[in-house]
PDB file of N, CA and C in Angstrom:
ATOM      1  N   PHE A   1     -35.563   1.484 -27.825  1.00  0.00           N
ATOM      2  CA  PHE A   1     -34.889   0.331 -27.251  1.00  0.00           C
ATOM      3  C   PHE A   1     -33.390   0.357 -27.561  1.00  0.00           C
ATOM      4  N   GLU A   2     -33.040   0.615 -28.827  1.00  0.00           N
ATOM      5  CA  GLU A   2     -31.629   0.636 -29.210  1.00  0.00           C
ATOM      6  C   GLU A   2     -30.878   1.744 -28.491  1.00  0.00           C
ATOM      7  N   GLN A   3     -31.539   2.891 -28.332  1.00  0.00           N
ATOM      8  CA  GLN A   3     -30.896   4.010 -27.643  1.00  0.00           C
ATOM      9  C   GLN A   3     -30.628   3.651 -26.169  1.00  0.00           C
ATOM     10  N   ALA A   4     -31.583   3.019 -25.524  1.00  0.00           N
ATOM     11  CA  ALA A   4     -31.408   2.605 -24.129  1.00  0.00           C
ATOM     12  C   ALA A   4     -30.281   1.579 -24.011  1.00  0.00           C
ATOM     13  N   GLU A   5     -30.236   0.656 -24.960  1.00  0.00           N
ATOM     14  CA  GLU A   5     -29.175  -0.354 -24.975  1.00  0.00           C
ATOM     15  C   GLU A   5     -27.812   0.313 -25.159  1.00  0.00           C
ATOM     16  N   GLN A   6     -27.735   1.287 -26.054  1.00  0.00           N
ATOM     17  CA  GLN A   6     -26.493   2.019 -26.298  1.00  0.00           C
ATOM     18  C   GLN A   6     -26.050   2.758 -25.034  1.00  0.00           C
ATOM     19  N   GLN A   7     -27.003   3.371 -24.320  1.00  0.00           N
ATOM     20  CA  GLN A   7     -26.669   4.089 -23.085  1.00  0.00           C
ATOM     21  C   GLN A   7     -26.144   3.124 -22.017  1.00  0.00           C
ATOM     22  N   ARG A   8     -26.763   1.950 -21.898  1.00  0.00           N
ATOM     23  CA  ARG A   8     -26.285   0.952 -20.936  1.00  0.00           C
ATOM     24  C   ARG A   8     -24.871   0.503 -21.287  1.00  0.00           C
ATOM     25  N   LEU A   9     -24.626   0.301 -22.565  1.00  0.00           N
ATOM     26  CA  LEU A   9     -23.307  -0.118 -23.021  1.00  0.00           C
ATOM     27  C   LEU A   9     -22.266   0.953 -22.721  1.00  0.00           C
ATOM     28  N   GLU A  10     -22.588   2.205 -23.020  1.00  0.00           N
ATOM     29  CA  GLU A  10     -21.661   3.309 -22.742  1.00  0.00           C
ATOM     30  C   GLU A  10     -21.401   3.442 -21.249  1.00  0.00           C
ATOM     31  N   SER A  11     -22.446   3.291 -20.447  1.00  0.00           N
ATOM     32  CA  SER A  11     -22.303   3.374 -18.994  1.00  0.00           C
ATOM     33  C   SER A  11     -21.392   2.257 -18.475  1.00  0.00           C
ATOM     34  N   ALA A  12     -21.578   1.059 -18.993  1.00  0.00           N
ATOM     35  CA  ALA A  12     -20.741  -0.073 -18.587  1.00  0.00           C
ATOM     36  C   ALA A  12     -19.291   0.153 -18.993  1.00  0.00           C
ATOM     37  N   MET A  13     -19.075   0.716 -20.173  1.00  0.00           N
ATOM     38  CA  MET A  13     -17.716   0.991 -20.638  1.00  0.00           C
ATOM     39  C   MET A  13     -17.055   2.064 -19.771  1.00  0.00           C
ATOM     40  N   GLN A  14     -17.814   3.090 -19.386  1.00  0.00           N
ATOM     41  CA  GLN A  14     -17.273   4.133 -18.514  1.00  0.00           C
ATOM     42  C   GLN A  14     -16.901   3.552 -17.151  1.00  0.00           C
ATOM     43  N   GLN A  15     -17.769   2.698 -16.611  1.00  0.00           N
ATOM     44  CA  GLN A  15     -17.488   2.078 -15.314  1.00  0.00           C
ATOM     45  C   GLN A  15     -16.246   1.200 -15.399  1.00  0.00           C
ATOM     46  N   ALA A  16     -16.104   0.453 -16.482  1.00  0.00           N
ATOM     47  CA  ALA A  16     -14.928  -0.399 -16.667  1.00  0.00           C
ATOM     48  C   ALA A  16     -13.662   0.446 -16.742  1.00  0.00           C
ATOM     49  N   ALA A  17     -13.730   1.578 -17.427  1.00  0.00           N
ATOM     50  CA  ALA A  17     -12.574   2.473 -17.532  1.00  0.00           C
ATOM     51  C   ALA A  17     -12.220   3.055 -16.162  1.00  0.00           C
ATOM     52  N   GLN A  18     -13.237   3.430 -15.384  1.00  0.00           N
ATOM     53  CA  GLN A  18     -12.987   3.958 -14.033  1.00  0.00           C
ATOM     54  C   GLN A  18     -12.370   2.883 -13.137  1.00  0.00           C
ATOM     55  N   ASP A  19     -12.888   1.655 -13.226  1.00  0.00           N
ATOM     56  CA  ASP A  19     -12.337   0.554 -12.436  1.00  0.00           C
ATOM     57  C   ASP A  19     -10.885   0.296 -12.812  1.00  0.00           C
ATOM     58  N   GLU A  20     -10.591   0.297 -14.103  1.00  0.00           N
ATOM     59  CA  GLU A  20      -9.231   0.047 -14.568  1.00  0.00           C
ATOM     60  C   GLU A  20      -8.282   1.126 -14.058  1.00  0.00           C
ATOM     61  N   LEU A  21      -8.723   2.385 -14.105  1.00  0.00           N
ATOM     62  CA  LEU A  21      -7.896   3.487 -13.611  1.00  0.00           C
ATOM     63  C   LEU A  21      -7.638   3.311 -12.115  1.00  0.00           C
ATOM     64  N   ARG A  22      -8.672   2.971 -11.347  1.00  0.00           N
ATOM     65  CA  ARG A  22      -8.482   2.752  -9.912  1.00  0.00           C
ATOM     66  C   ARG A  22      -7.524   1.594  -9.669  1.00  0.00           C
ATOM     67  N   ASN A  23      -7.678   0.506 -10.412  1.00  0.00           N
ATOM     68  CA  ASN A  23      -6.808  -0.654 -10.236  1.00  0.00           C
ATOM     69  C   ASN A  23      -5.350  -0.308 -10.511  1.00  0.00           C
ATOM     70  N   GLN A  24      -5.112   0.605 -11.446  1.00  0.00           N
ATOM     71  CA  GLN A  24      -3.746   0.983 -11.797  1.00  0.00           C
ATOM     72  C   GLN A  24      -3.163   2.047 -10.870  1.00  0.00           C
ATOM     73  N   THR A  25      -4.011   2.931 -10.315  1.00  0.00           N
ATOM     74  CA  THR A  25      -3.477   4.091  -9.596  1.00  0.00           C
ATOM     75  C   THR A  25      -3.882   4.196  -8.126  1.00  0.00           C
ATOM     76  N   GLN A  26      -4.982   3.575  -7.720  1.00  0.00           N
ATOM     77  CA  GLN A  26      -5.468   3.737  -6.340  1.00  0.00           C
ATOM     78  C   GLN A  26      -6.000   2.421  -5.784  1.00  0.00           C
ATOM     79  N   ALA A  27      -5.289   1.338  -6.005  1.00  0.00           N
ATOM     80  CA  ALA A  27      -5.792   0.017  -5.633  1.00  0.00           C
ATOM     81  C   ALA A  27      -5.635  -0.305  -4.152  1.00  0.00           C
ATOM     82  N   LEU A  28      -4.858   0.497  -3.433  1.00  0.00           N
ATOM     83  CA  LEU A  28      -4.571   0.180  -2.035  1.00  0.00           C
ATOM     84  C   LEU A  28      -4.901   1.332  -1.102  1.00  0.00           C
ATOM     85  N   GLU A  29      -5.331   0.963   0.082  1.00  0.00           N
ATOM     86  CA  GLU A  29      -5.654   1.925   1.130  1.00  0.00           C
ATOM     87  C   GLU A  29      -4.807   1.549   2.353  1.00  0.00           C
ATOM     88  N   VAL A  30      -4.155   2.531   2.971  1.00  0.00           N
ATOM     89  CA  VAL A  30      -3.337   2.269   4.154  1.00  0.00           C
ATOM     90  C   VAL A  30      -4.259   2.111   5.364  1.00  0.00           C
ATOM     91  N   VAL A  31      -4.162   0.972   6.033  1.00  0.00           N
ATOM     92  CA  VAL A  31      -4.958   0.703   7.227  1.00  0.00           C
ATOM     93  C   VAL A  31      -4.157   1.069   8.473  1.00  0.00           C
ATOM     94  N   ASP A  32      -2.862   0.729   8.473  1.00  0.00           N
ATOM     95  CA  ASP A  32      -2.021   0.962   9.642  1.00  0.00           C
ATOM     96  C   ASP A  32      -0.573   1.116   9.203  1.00  0.00           C
ATOM     97  N   LEU A  33       0.168   1.989   9.893  1.00  0.00           N
ATOM     98  CA  LEU A  33       1.595   2.180   9.639  1.00  0.00           C
ATOM     99  C   LEU A  33       2.219   2.698  10.924  1.00  0.00           C
ATOM    100  N   SER A  34       3.244   1.987  11.432  1.00  0.00           N
ATOM    101  CA  SER A  34       3.855   2.411  12.691  1.00  0.00           C
ATOM    102  C   SER A  34       5.310   1.971  12.771  1.00  0.00           C
ATOM    103  N   ILE A  35       6.035   2.612  13.691  1.00  0.00           N
ATOM    104  CA  ILE A  35       7.393   2.193  14.029  1.00  0.00           C
ATOM    105  C   ILE A  35       7.451   2.087  15.545  1.00  0.00           C
ATOM    106  N   THR A  36       7.940   0.948  16.031  1.00  0.00           N
ATOM    107  CA  THR A  36       8.027   0.715  17.469  1.00  0.00           C
ATOM    108  C   THR A  36       9.393   0.140  17.810  1.00  0.00           C
ATOM    109  N   LYS A  37       9.789   0.342  19.051  1.00  0.00           N
ATOM    110  CA  LYS A  37      11.060  -0.195  19.543  1.00  0.00           C
ATOM    111  C   LYS A  37      10.771  -1.510  20.257  1.00  0.00           C
ATOM    112  N   ASP A  38      11.541  -2.554  19.926  1.00  0.00           N
ATOM    113  CA  ASP A  38      11.311  -3.850  20.569  1.00  0.00           C
ATOM    114  C   ASP A  38      12.168  -4.001  21.832  1.00  0.00           C
ATOM    115  N   GLU A  39      12.061  -5.163  22.467  1.00  0.00           N
ATOM    116  CA  GLU A  39      12.764  -5.395  23.735  1.00  0.00           C
ATOM    117  C   GLU A  39      14.280  -5.457  23.591  1.00  0.00           C
ATOM    118  N   PHE A  40      14.771  -5.585  22.356  1.00  0.00           N
ATOM    119  CA  PHE A  40      16.211  -5.635  22.116  1.00  0.00           C
ATOM    120  C   PHE A  40      16.783  -4.278  21.716  1.00  0.00           C
ATOM    121  N   GLY A  41      15.921  -3.258  21.645  1.00  0.00           N
ATOM    122  CA  GLY A  41      16.377  -1.923  21.264  1.00  0.00           C
ATOM    123  C   GLY A  41      16.365  -1.678  19.764  1.00  0.00           C
ATOM    124  N   ASP A  42      15.819  -2.631  19.009  1.00  0.00           N
ATOM    125  CA  ASP A  42      15.719  -2.463  17.557  1.00  0.00           C
ATOM    126  C   ASP A  42      14.359  -1.856  17.222  1.00  0.00           C
ATOM    127  N   TYR A  43      14.275  -1.251  16.047  1.00  0.00           N
ATOM    128  CA  TYR A  43      13.037  -0.584  15.634  1.00  0.00           C
ATOM    129  C   TYR A  43      12.351  -1.392  14.538  1.00  0.00           C
ATOM    130  N   LYS A  44      11.055  -1.583  14.696  1.00  0.00           N
ATOM    131  CA  LYS A  44      10.288  -2.382  13.739  1.00  0.00           C
ATOM    132  C   LYS A  44       9.229  -1.508  13.081  1.00  0.00           C
ATOM    133  N   VAL A  45       9.274  -1.472  11.749  1.00  0.00           N
ATOM    134  CA  VAL A  45       8.235  -0.798  10.969  1.00  0.00           C
ATOM    135  C   VAL A  45       7.239  -1.867  10.561  1.00  0.00           C
ATOM    136  N   LYS A  46       5.963  -1.604  10.812  1.00  0.00           N
ATOM    137  CA  LYS A  46       4.948  -2.565  10.383  1.00  0.00           C
ATOM    138  C   LYS A  46       3.708  -1.814   9.931  1.00  0.00           C
ATOM    139  N   GLY A  47       2.948  -2.493   9.094  1.00  0.00           N
ATOM    140  CA  GLY A  47       1.742  -1.864   8.599  1.00  0.00           C
ATOM    141  C   GLY A  47       0.838  -2.856   7.912  1.00  0.00           C
ATOM    142  N   SER A  48      -0.328  -2.363   7.544  1.00  0.00           N
ATOM    143  CA  SER A  48      -1.262  -3.181   6.780  1.00  0.00           C
ATOM    144  C   SER A  48      -1.964  -2.309   5.744  1.00  0.00           C
ATOM    145  N   LEU A  49      -2.315  -2.960   4.647  1.00  0.00           N
ATOM    146  CA  LEU A  49      -2.967  -2.311   3.513  1.00  0.00           C
ATOM    147  C   LEU A  49      -4.220  -3.090   3.161  1.00  0.00           C
ATOM    148  N   LYS A  50      -5.188  -2.397   2.590  1.00  0.00           N
ATOM    149  CA  LYS A  50      -6.407  -3.056   2.120  1.00  0.00           C
ATOM    150  C   LYS A  50      -6.541  -2.825   0.625  1.00  0.00           C
ATOM    151  N   SER A  51      -6.870  -3.885  -0.096  1.00  0.00           N
ATOM    152  CA  SER A  51      -7.103  -3.765  -1.533  1.00  0.00           C
ATOM    153  C   SER A  51      -8.492  -3.186  -1.776  1.00  0.00           C
ATOM    154  N   VAL A  52      -8.542  -2.056  -2.469  1.00  0.00           N
ATOM    155  CA  VAL A  52      -9.821  -1.473  -2.886  1.00  0.00           C
ATOM    156  C   VAL A  52      -9.969  -1.602  -4.404  1.00  0.00           C
ATOM    157  N   ALA A  53      -9.149  -2.472  -4.984  1.00  0.00           N
ATOM    158  CA  ALA A  53      -9.201  -2.733  -6.425  1.00  0.00           C
ATOM    159  C   ALA A  53     -10.414  -3.602  -6.750  1.00  0.00           C
ATOM    160  N   THR A  54     -10.744  -3.680  -8.019  1.00  0.00           N
ATOM    161  CA  THR A  54     -11.836  -4.548  -8.458  1.00  0.00           C
ATOM    162  C   THR A  54     -11.309  -5.847  -9.057  1.00  0.00           C
ATOM    163  N   GLN A  55      -9.985  -5.987  -9.098  1.00  0.00           N
ATOM    164  CA  GLN A  55      -9.344  -7.198  -9.596  1.00  0.00           C
ATOM    165  C   GLN A  55      -8.285  -7.628  -8.590  1.00  0.00           C
ATOM    166  N   ILE A  56      -7.749  -8.821  -8.776  1.00  0.00           N
ATOM    167  CA  ILE A  56      -6.658  -9.300  -7.933  1.00  0.00           C
ATOM    168  C   ILE A  56      -5.416  -8.464  -8.236  1.00  0.00           C
ATOM    169  N   ILE A  57      -4.699  -8.061  -7.174  1.00  0.00           N
ATOM    170  CA  ILE A  57      -3.413  -7.391  -7.358  1.00  0.00           C
ATOM    171  C   ILE A  57      -2.344  -8.243  -6.690  1.00  0.00           C
ATOM    172  N   SER A  58      -1.108  -8.087  -7.144  1.00  0.00           N
ATOM    173  CA  SER A  58      -0.032  -8.924  -6.613  1.00  0.00           C
ATOM    174  C   SER A  58       1.271  -8.144  -6.545  1.00  0.00           C
ATOM    175  N   THR A  59       2.256  -8.794  -5.936  1.00  0.00           N
ATOM    176  CA  THR A  59       3.619  -8.284  -5.865  1.00  0.00           C
ATOM    177  C   THR A  59       3.639  -6.838  -5.365  1.00  0.00           C
ATOM    178  N   VAL A  60       2.973  -6.615  -4.238  1.00  0.00           N
ATOM    179  CA  VAL A  60       2.877  -5.265  -3.677  1.00  0.00           C
ATOM    180  C   VAL A  60       4.169  -4.933  -2.939  1.00  0.00           C
ATOM    181  N   THR A  61       4.738  -3.780  -3.250  1.00  0.00           N
ATOM    182  CA  THR A  61       5.923  -3.267  -2.572  1.00  0.00           C
ATOM    183  C   THR A  61       5.597  -1.909  -1.978  1.00  0.00           C
ATOM    184  N   VAL A  62       5.989  -1.723  -0.726  1.00  0.00           N
ATOM    185  CA  VAL A  62       5.795  -0.455  -0.030  1.00  0.00           C
ATOM    186  C   VAL A  62       7.159   0.200   0.138  1.00  0.00           C
ATOM    187  N   LYS A  63       7.237   1.491  -0.167  1.00  0.00           N
ATOM    188  CA  LYS A  63       8.448   2.267   0.092  1.00  0.00           C
ATOM    189  C   LYS A  63       8.123   3.279   1.179  1.00  0.00           C
ATOM    190  N   TYR A  64       9.059   3.448   2.111  1.00  0.00           N
ATOM    191  CA  TYR A  64       8.813   4.362   3.226  1.00  0.00           C
ATOM    192  C   TYR A  64      10.103   5.035   3.674  1.00  0.00           C
ATOM    193  N   ASP A  65       9.930   6.136   4.387  1.00  0.00           N
ATOM    194  CA  ASP A  65      11.039   6.861   5.001  1.00  0.00           C
ATOM    195  C   ASP A  65      10.895   6.778   6.507  1.00  0.00           C
ATOM    196  N   ILE A  66      12.025   6.632   7.187  1.00  0.00           N
ATOM    197  CA  ILE A  66      12.062   6.753   8.640  1.00  0.00           C
ATOM    198  C   ILE A  66      12.616   8.138   8.934  1.00  0.00           C
ATOM    199  N   LEU A  67      11.887   8.875   9.769  1.00  0.00           N
ATOM    200  CA  LEU A  67      12.267  10.254  10.075  1.00  0.00           C
ATOM    201  C   LEU A  67      12.644  10.385  11.548  1.00  0.00           C
ATOM    202  N   ASP A  68      13.626  11.268  11.816  1.00  0.00           N
ATOM    203  CA  ASP A  68      13.960  11.555  13.209  1.00  0.00           C
ATOM    204  C   ASP A  68      12.964  12.567  13.762  1.00  0.00           C
ATOM    205  N   LYS A  69      13.148  12.963  15.026  1.00  0.00           N
ATOM    206  CA  LYS A  69      12.150  13.842  15.646  1.00  0.00           C
ATOM    207  C   LYS A  69      12.112  15.232  15.026  1.00  0.00           C
ATOM    208  N   GLU A  70      13.175  15.619  14.293  1.00  0.00           N
ATOM    209  CA  GLU A  70      13.170  16.900  13.583  1.00  0.00           C
ATOM    210  C   GLU A  70      12.509  16.796  12.209  1.00  0.00           C
ATOM    211  N   GLY A  71      12.161  15.583  11.803  1.00  0.00           N
ATOM    212  CA  GLY A  71      11.524  15.385  10.510  1.00  0.00           C
ATOM    213  C   GLY A  71      12.493  15.115   9.374  1.00  0.00           C
ATOM    214  N   ASN A  72      13.769  14.890   9.708  1.00  0.00           N
ATOM    215  CA  ASN A  72      14.770  14.571   8.691  1.00  0.00           C
ATOM    216  C   ASN A  72      14.721  13.081   8.357  1.00  0.00           C
ATOM    217  N   VAL A  73      14.845  12.762   7.085  1.00  0.00           N
ATOM    218  CA  VAL A  73      14.858  11.360   6.661  1.00  0.00           C
ATOM    219  C   VAL A  73      16.198  10.746   7.061  1.00  0.00           C
ATOM    220  N   VAL A  74      16.150   9.696   7.868  1.00  0.00           N
ATOM    221  CA  VAL A  74      17.374   9.010   8.281  1.00  0.00           C
ATOM    222  C   VAL A  74      17.559   7.688   7.540  1.00  0.00           C
ATOM    223  N   ARG A  75      16.498   7.204   6.940  1.00  0.00           N
ATOM    224  CA  ARG A  75      16.578   5.939   6.203  1.00  0.00           C
ATOM    225  C   ARG A  75      15.390   5.824   5.261  1.00  0.00           C
ATOM    226  N   SER A  76      15.638   5.337   4.055  1.00  0.00           N
ATOM    227  CA  SER A  76      14.582   5.036   3.081  1.00  0.00           C
ATOM    228  C   SER A  76      14.647   3.544   2.784  1.00  0.00           C
ATOM    229  N   GLU A  77      13.513   2.892   2.830  1.00  0.00           N
ATOM    230  CA  GLU A  77      13.474   1.438   2.675  1.00  0.00           C
ATOM    231  C   GLU A  77      12.303   1.008   1.810  1.00  0.00           C
ATOM    232  N   SER A  78      12.327  -0.263   1.423  1.00  0.00           N
ATOM    233  CA  SER A  78      11.178  -0.869   0.754  1.00  0.00           C
ATOM    234  C   SER A  78      10.983  -2.262   1.335  1.00  0.00           C
ATOM    235  N   VAL A  79       9.745  -2.741   1.259  1.00  0.00           N
ATOM    236  CA  VAL A  79       9.409  -4.044   1.820  1.00  0.00           C
ATOM    237  C   VAL A  79       8.256  -4.635   1.017  1.00  0.00           C
ATOM    238  N   LYS A  80       8.242  -5.959   0.906  1.00  0.00           N
ATOM    239  CA  LYS A  80       7.161  -6.665   0.213  1.00  0.00           C
ATOM    240  C   LYS A  80       5.991  -6.904   1.164  1.00  0.00           C
ATOM    241  N   VAL A  81       4.794  -6.895   0.600  1.00  0.00           N
ATOM    242  CA  VAL A  81       3.575  -7.134   1.370  1.00  0.00           C
ATOM    243  C   VAL A  81       3.203  -8.610   1.264  1.00  0.00           C
ATOM    244  N   PHE A  82       2.728  -9.174   2.367  1.00  0.00           N
ATOM    245  CA  PHE A  82       2.290 -10.563   2.417  1.00  0.00           C
ATOM    246  C   PHE A  82       0.790 -10.600   2.664  1.00  0.00           C
ATOM    247  N   PRO A  83       0.009 -11.429   2.027  1.00  0.00           N
ATOM    248  CA  PRO A  83       0.392 -12.394   1.000  1.00  0.00           C
ATOM    249  C   PRO A  83       0.687 -11.716  -0.338  1.00  0.00           C
ATOM    250  N   ASN A  84       1.246 -12.488  -1.244  1.00  0.00           N
ATOM    251  CA  ASN A  84       1.651 -11.957  -2.540  1.00  0.00           C
ATOM    252  C   ASN A  84       0.457 -11.547  -3.395  1.00  0.00           C
ATOM    253  N   TYR A  85      -0.672 -12.236  -3.250  1.00  0.00           N
ATOM    254  CA  TYR A  85      -1.881 -11.925  -4.025  1.00  0.00           C
ATOM    255  C   TYR A  85      -2.956 -11.393  -3.087  1.00  0.00           C
ATOM    256  N   LEU A  86      -3.578 -10.282  -3.480  1.00  0.00           N
ATOM    257  CA  LEU A  86      -4.671  -9.703  -2.698  1.00  0.00           C
ATOM    258  C   LEU A  86      -5.924  -9.639  -3.562  1.00  0.00           C
ATOM    259  N   ASN A  87      -6.971 -10.319  -3.119  1.00  0.00           N
ATOM    260  CA  ASN A  87      -8.270 -10.209  -3.773  1.00  0.00           C
ATOM    261  C   ASN A  87      -8.913  -8.889  -3.362  1.00  0.00           C
ATOM    262  N   PRO A  88      -9.903  -8.423  -4.105  1.00  0.00           N
ATOM    263  CA  PRO A  88     -10.610  -7.206  -3.695  1.00  0.00           C
ATOM    264  C   PRO A  88     -11.123  -7.335  -2.255  1.00  0.00           C
ATOM    265  N   GLY A  89     -10.820  -6.342  -1.428  1.00  0.00           N
ATOM    266  CA  GLY A  89     -11.246  -6.346  -0.035  1.00  0.00           C
ATOM    267  C   GLY A  89     -10.276  -7.007   0.927  1.00  0.00           C
ATOM    268  N   ASP A  90      -9.299  -7.754   0.429  1.00  0.00           N
ATOM    269  CA  ASP A  90      -8.320  -8.424   1.294  1.00  0.00           C
ATOM    270  C   ASP A  90      -7.343  -7.425   1.895  1.00  0.00           C
ATOM    271  N   GLN A  91      -6.756  -7.820   3.033  1.00  0.00           N
ATOM    272  CA  GLN A  91      -5.706  -7.021   3.646  1.00  0.00           C
ATOM    273  C   GLN A  91      -4.385  -7.757   3.556  1.00  0.00           C
ATOM    274  N   GLY A  92      -3.320  -6.993   3.387  1.00  0.00           N
ATOM    275  CA  GLY A  92      -1.973  -7.527   3.395  1.00  0.00           C
ATOM    276  C   GLY A  92      -1.171  -6.809   4.460  1.00  0.00           C
ATOM    277  N   THR A  93      -0.106  -7.461   4.935  1.00  0.00           N
ATOM    278  CA  THR A  93       0.715  -6.870   5.986  1.00  0.00           C
ATOM    279  C   THR A  93       2.181  -6.876   5.581  1.00  0.00           C
ATOM    280  N   PHE A  94       2.942  -6.035   6.262  1.00  0.00           N
ATOM    281  CA  PHE A  94       4.380  -5.987   6.044  1.00  0.00           C
ATOM    282  C   PHE A  94       5.055  -5.589   7.344  1.00  0.00           C
ATOM    283  N   ASP A  95       6.311  -5.997   7.489  1.00  0.00           N
ATOM    284  CA  ASP A  95       7.118  -5.523   8.611  1.00  0.00           C
ATOM    285  C   ASP A  95       8.587  -5.693   8.271  1.00  0.00           C
ATOM    286  N   LYS A  96       9.386  -4.865   8.899  1.00  0.00           N
ATOM    287  CA  LYS A  96      10.829  -4.912   8.692  1.00  0.00           C
ATOM    288  C   LYS A  96      11.499  -4.380   9.950  1.00  0.00           C
ATOM    289  N   VAL A  97      12.507  -5.111  10.433  1.00  0.00           N
ATOM    290  CA  VAL A  97      13.245  -4.698  11.623  1.00  0.00           C
ATOM    291  C   VAL A  97      14.497  -3.950  11.187  1.00  0.00           C
ATOM    292  N   HIS A  98      14.752  -2.841  11.861  1.00  0.00           N
ATOM    293  CA  HIS A  98      15.939  -2.023  11.586  1.00  0.00           C
ATOM    294  C   HIS A  98      16.855  -2.098  12.803  1.00  0.00           C
ATOM    295  N   TYR A  99      17.982  -2.790  12.621  1.00  0.00           N
ATOM    296  CA  TYR A  99      18.930  -3.009  13.713  1.00  0.00           C
ATOM    297  C   TYR A  99      19.912  -1.850  13.860  1.00  0.00           C
ATOM    298  N   GLU A 100      20.069  -1.064  12.799  1.00  0.00           N
ATOM    299  CA  GLU A 100      21.142  -0.076  12.734  1.00  0.00           C
ATOM    300  C   GLU A 100      20.761   1.310  13.240  1.00  0.00           C
ATOM    301  N   LEU A 101      19.517   1.515  13.620  1.00  0.00           N
ATOM    302  CA  LEU A 101      19.097   2.844  14.072  1.00  0.00           C
ATOM    303  C   LEU A 101      19.596   3.112  15.486  1.00  0.00           C
ATOM    304  N   GLU A 102      20.099   4.327  15.684  1.00  0.00           N
ATOM    305  CA  GLU A 102      20.540   4.725  17.017  1.00  0.00           C
ATOM    306  C   GLU A 102      19.322   4.974  17.897  1.00  0.00           C
ATOM    307  N   GLU A 103      19.553   4.992  19.190  1.00  0.00           N
ATOM    308  CA  GLU A 103      18.488   5.297  20.150  1.00  0.00           C
ATOM    309  C   GLU A 103      17.895   6.659  19.817  1.00  0.00           C
ATOM    310  N   GLY A 104      16.586   6.753  19.758  1.00  0.00           N
ATOM    311  CA  GLY A 104      15.957   8.035  19.461  1.00  0.00           C
ATOM    312  C   GLY A 104      14.471   7.902  19.206  1.00  0.00           C
ATOM    313  N   GLU A 105      13.866   9.029  18.871  1.00  0.00           N
ATOM    314  CA  GLU A 105      12.446   9.080  18.531  1.00  0.00           C
ATOM    315  C   GLU A 105      12.317   9.077  17.016  1.00  0.00           C
ATOM    316  N   TYR A 106      11.528   8.168  16.491  1.00  0.00           N
ATOM    317  CA  TYR A 106      11.370   8.063  15.045  1.00  0.00           C
ATOM    318  C   TYR A 106       9.895   8.005  14.658  1.00  0.00           C
ATOM    319  N   SER A 107       9.646   8.433  13.445  1.00  0.00           N
ATOM    320  CA  SER A 107       8.324   8.266  12.849  1.00  0.00           C
ATOM    321  C   SER A 107       8.536   7.659  11.470  1.00  0.00           C
ATOM    322  N   VAL A 108       7.476   7.170  10.878  1.00  0.00           N
ATOM    323  CA  VAL A 108       7.577   6.545   9.562  1.00  0.00           C
ATOM    324  C   VAL A 108       6.526   7.154   8.647  1.00  0.00           C
ATOM    325  N   GLU A 109       6.920   7.318   7.390  1.00  0.00           N
ATOM    326  CA  GLU A 109       6.051   7.934   6.389  1.00  0.00           C
ATOM    327  C   GLU A 109       6.121   7.108   5.107  1.00  0.00           C
ATOM    328  N   MET A 110       4.974   6.668   4.615  1.00  0.00           N
ATOM    329  CA  MET A 110       4.944   5.917   3.368  1.00  0.00           C
ATOM    330  C   MET A 110       5.147   6.876   2.202  1.00  0.00           C
ATOM    331  N   THR A 111       6.026   6.505   1.280  1.00  0.00           N
ATOM    332  CA  THR A 111       6.316   7.382   0.147  1.00  0.00           C
ATOM    333  C   THR A 111       5.763   6.857  -1.168  1.00  0.00           C
ATOM    334  N   GLU A 112       5.600   5.539  -1.270  1.00  0.00           N
ATOM    335  CA  GLU A 112       5.163   4.967  -2.545  1.00  0.00           C
ATOM    336  C   GLU A 112       4.673   3.537  -2.346  1.00  0.00           C
ATOM    337  N   MET A 113       3.731   3.127  -3.198  1.00  0.00           N
ATOM    338  CA  MET A 113       3.274   1.740  -3.235  1.00  0.00           C
ATOM    339  C   MET A 113       3.256   1.308  -4.698  1.00  0.00           C
ATOM    340  N   GLU A 114       3.726   0.099  -4.950  1.00  0.00           N
ATOM    341  CA  GLU A 114       3.724  -0.448  -6.310  1.00  0.00           C
ATOM    342  C   GLU A 114       3.046  -1.812  -6.275  1.00  0.00           C
ATOM    343  N   TRP A 115       2.366  -2.169  -7.373  1.00  0.00           N
ATOM    344  CA  TRP A 115       1.686  -3.461  -7.469  1.00  0.00           C
ATOM    345  C   TRP A 115       1.443  -3.800  -8.928  1.00  0.00           C
ATOM    346  N   LEU A 116       1.085  -5.048  -9.139  1.00  0.00           N
ATOM    347  CA  LEU A 116       0.690  -5.524 -10.462  1.00  0.00           C
ATOM    348  C   LEU A 116      -0.789  -5.874 -10.430  1.00  0.00           C
ATOM    349  N   VAL A 117      -1.492  -5.580 -11.504  1.00  0.00           N
ATOM    350  CA  VAL A 117      -2.896  -5.965 -11.634  1.00  0.00           C
ATOM    351  C   VAL A 117      -2.933  -7.272 -12.410  1.00  0.00           C
ATOM    352  N   GLU A 118      -3.571  -8.273 -11.827  1.00  0.00           N
ATOM    353  CA  GLU A 118      -3.627  -9.602 -12.469  1.00  0.00           C
ATOM    354  C   GLU A 118      -4.706  -9.645 -13.536  1.00  0.00           C
TER     355      GLU A 118
END
């Protein structure tokens, strides 16, 4: 009985450690990321993320690069995700309009995501 109890305890501790590692390093999954030109000729980057954490995460910041058609980085930006708090399984969204980009073909690439575990 004691040995079985010890194994359950160790298993629970391992699972907690795995959950904590995921919450710190892989809490978000990219659902959508795009750049589009609006009716005024400005470019809008927008996207959505899903929390795959086991705890609430907050203050999510996304960093991304805008690339020209040759793949050169023309702009690096960061944006906050809304809402500020994401429960496990929740989705958050972000968008930012870029008025200064010249006419052209652009793509967007996410470079980093930061968050706090509550």
